Amino acid sequence: MRPLRYSINVTLDGCIDHREAFADEELHRRAAENISRADALLFGRVTYQMMAEA
C-alpha cells in the first residue's frame, strides 16, 4: 500500500485569492516536489477546471 498525502492551502482568515498576492519561489518549489512524487492527483471541480486550462 502506498502512502496517501494530503495538501491544502489555508490562510488565517480562511480566504485564498490568487489575485491578491503571489506565492514565493519556495512555495512553488515545494508544491512542484509534492506533485512530482504523486501517482495521482484528486481535485475538486473548480480546481480541476483551472488546472485543465493551464
Protein backbone atom coordinates (compact mmCIF):
# COMPACT_ATOMS: atom_id res chain seq x y z
CA MET A 1 0.00 0.00 0.00
CA ARG A 2 1.36 3.41 -0.96
CA PRO A 3 1.28 6.46 1.31
CA LEU A 4 -1.53 8.98 0.96
CA ARG A 5 -0.51 12.63 1.07
CA TYR A 6 -2.94 15.45 1.70
CA SER A 7 -2.24 19.06 0.90
CA ILE A 8 -4.43 22.12 1.37
CA ASN A 9 -3.76 25.85 1.26
CA VAL A 10 -5.39 27.83 4.06
CA THR A 11 -4.94 31.34 5.39
CA LEU A 12 -5.74 32.66 8.86
CA ASP A 13 -8.88 34.38 7.59
CA GLY A 14 -9.96 31.31 5.59
CA CYS A 15 -9.75 33.06 2.22
CA ILE A 16 -7.27 32.38 -0.57
CA ASP A 17 -7.37 34.67 -3.58
CA HIS A 18 -4.60 34.19 -6.13
CA ARG A 19 -5.24 37.72 -7.42
CA GLU A 20 -4.33 39.35 -4.09
CA ALA A 21 -0.81 38.03 -3.54
CA PHE A 22 1.78 35.94 -5.29
CA ALA A 23 3.43 32.81 -3.94
CA ASP A 24 7.17 32.96 -3.49
CA GLU A 25 9.71 30.65 -5.13
CA GLU A 26 9.93 28.40 -2.05
CA LEU A 27 6.19 27.67 -2.14
CA HIS A 28 6.35 26.86 -5.85
CA ARG A 29 9.35 24.57 -5.31
CA ARG A 30 7.62 22.64 -2.51
CA ALA A 31 4.40 22.30 -4.49
CA ALA A 32 6.30 21.04 -7.54
CA GLU A 33 8.15 18.48 -5.38
CA ASN A 34 4.89 17.18 -3.90
CA ILE A 35 3.23 16.92 -7.31
CA SER A 36 6.22 15.16 -8.85
CA ARG A 37 6.06 12.43 -6.17
CA ALA A 38 2.36 11.76 -6.72
CA ASP A 39 0.99 8.80 -8.65
CA ALA A 40 -2.40 10.51 -8.96
CA LEU A 41 -3.99 13.85 -8.13
CA LEU A 42 -7.53 14.45 -6.89
CA PHE A 43 -9.05 17.90 -7.42
CA GLY A 44 -12.43 19.45 -6.80
CA ARG A 45 -14.38 20.63 -9.83
CA VAL A 46 -13.25 24.27 -9.77
CA THR A 47 -9.57 23.45 -9.22
CA TYR A 48 -9.73 20.75 -11.89
CA GLN A 49 -11.17 23.23 -14.39
CA MET A 50 -8.47 25.76 -13.54
CA MET A 51 -5.73 23.14 -13.91
CA ALA A 52 -7.19 21.88 -17.21
CA GLU A 53 -7.00 25.40 -18.64
CA ALA A 54 -3.35 25.85 -17.61
